[in-house]
């Protein structure tokens, strides 16, 4: 009987912890939405869409993206196209390779 009661208490405790985590995550998301709304002049729906898109792009939990926004007062960096630069040299003997250009 005591084992059954202990397992029920443990289940209630886990539910309480999960509820606290969920409320905390929702609070961080709301704060992040407010930061985005103020900075970029968006409404609540648009700011949530920004968080959702970043979450999908970066493959991170939305609450983690919101935490970044709250902590840094900025959106997280997103991967972009590679920086422009000189073309990579081709194999030796190919037109445009260093051996051909400098002969």
Protein backbone atom coordinates (compact mmCIF):
# COMPACT_ATOMS: atom_id res chain seq x y z
CA UNK A 1 0.00 0.00 0.00
CA UNK A 2 2.80 2.43 0.85
CA UNK A 3 4.46 1.73 -2.51
CA UNK A 4 1.29 2.61 -4.38
CA UNK A 5 0.91 5.86 -2.45
CA UNK A 6 4.53 6.75 -3.11
CA UNK A 7 4.10 6.18 -6.84
CA UNK A 8 0.97 8.37 -6.88
CA UNK A 9 2.83 11.15 -5.04
CA UNK A 10 5.75 10.82 -7.45
CA UNK A 11 3.39 11.09 -10.44
CA UNK A 12 1.79 14.24 -8.98
CA UNK A 13 5.24 15.71 -8.36
CA UNK A 14 6.31 15.01 -11.97
CA UNK A 15 3.11 16.59 -13.26
CA UNK A 16 3.78 19.65 -11.11
CA UNK A 17 7.33 19.94 -12.49
CA UNK A 18 6.09 19.59 -16.07
CA UNK A 19 3.46 22.25 -15.46
CA UNK A 20 6.06 24.63 -14.01
CA UNK A 21 8.33 24.07 -17.03
CA UNK A 22 5.46 24.65 -19.44
CA UNK A 23 4.41 27.88 -17.72
CA UNK A 24 8.02 29.10 -17.66
CA UNK A 25 8.46 28.31 -21.38
CA UNK A 26 5.21 30.10 -22.23
CA UNK A 27 6.31 33.11 -20.21
CA UNK A 28 9.67 33.29 -22.05
CA UNK A 29 7.85 33.00 -25.39
CA UNK A 30 5.55 35.88 -24.42
CA UNK A 31 8.48 38.08 -23.42
CA UNK A 32 10.31 37.24 -26.66
CA UNK A 33 7.16 38.08 -28.64
CA UNK A 34 7.03 41.46 -26.90
CA UNK A 35 10.67 42.17 -27.73
CA UNK A 36 10.12 41.26 -31.38
CA UNK A 37 6.87 43.24 -31.54
CA UNK A 38 8.55 46.36 -30.17
CA UNK A 39 11.74 46.12 -32.19
CA UNK A 40 10.21 45.20 -35.55
CA UNK A 41 6.75 46.81 -35.21
CA UNK A 42 4.88 43.50 -35.59
CA UNK A 43 1.69 42.23 -34.00
CA UNK A 44 1.48 39.19 -31.71
CA UNK A 45 0.64 36.76 -34.50
CA UNK A 46 3.49 37.97 -36.67
CA UNK A 47 6.02 37.86 -33.83
CA UNK A 48 5.02 34.29 -32.99
CA UNK A 49 5.44 33.39 -36.66
CA UNK A 50 8.98 34.78 -36.54
CA UNK A 51 9.78 32.59 -33.53
CA UNK A 52 8.20 29.55 -35.17
CA UNK A 53 10.09 30.08 -38.44
CA UNK A 54 13.41 30.46 -36.60
CA UNK A 55 12.66 27.35 -34.56
CA UNK A 56 12.13 25.36 -37.76
CA UNK A 57 15.11 26.88 -39.59
CA UNK A 58 17.51 26.25 -36.73
CA UNK A 59 15.90 22.95 -35.70
CA UNK A 60 15.62 24.09 -32.08
CA UNK A 61 12.74 24.21 -29.63
CA UNK A 62 10.68 27.36 -29.88
CA UNK A 63 11.19 27.99 -26.16
CA UNK A 64 14.98 27.85 -26.67
CA UNK A 65 14.73 30.42 -29.48
CA UNK A 66 12.60 32.60 -27.18
CA UNK A 67 15.18 32.23 -24.42
CA UNK A 68 17.89 33.43 -26.80
CA UNK A 69 15.81 36.47 -27.77
CA UNK A 70 15.15 37.33 -24.13
CA UNK A 71 18.78 36.86 -23.06
CA UNK A 72 20.35 38.68 -26.03
CA UNK A 73 17.60 41.15 -26.95
CA UNK A 74 18.14 40.06 -30.55
CA UNK A 75 17.18 37.30 -32.96
CA UNK A 76 19.59 34.37 -33.20
CA UNK A 77 21.86 34.24 -36.23
CA UNK A 78 20.62 32.06 -39.06
CA UNK A 79 22.75 30.16 -41.53
CA UNK A 80 22.98 31.99 -44.80
CA UNK A 81 24.51 31.44 -48.20
CA UNK A 82 28.29 31.08 -48.32
CA UNK A 83 30.23 34.32 -48.42
CA UNK A 84 31.33 35.41 -51.90
CA UNK A 85 34.98 34.94 -52.67
CA UNK A 86 37.34 33.96 -55.42
CA UNK A 87 36.39 30.79 -57.27
CA UNK A 88 38.11 27.65 -56.12
CA UNK A 89 40.91 26.57 -58.44
CA UNK A 90 40.09 23.67 -60.72
CA UNK A 91 42.20 20.58 -61.27
CA UNK A 92 45.69 21.21 -62.74
CA UNK A 93 45.59 21.84 -66.46
CA UNK A 94 41.97 23.04 -66.46
CA UNK A 95 41.18 26.44 -67.91
CA UNK A 96 41.22 28.93 -65.06
CA UNK A 97 43.50 26.85 -62.85
CA UNK A 98 46.63 28.63 -61.48
CA UNK A 99 48.96 26.62 -63.72
CA UNK A 100 47.21 27.80 -66.90
CA UNK A 101 46.72 31.43 -65.86
CA UNK A 102 50.33 32.02 -64.84
CA UNK A 103 52.05 30.48 -67.90
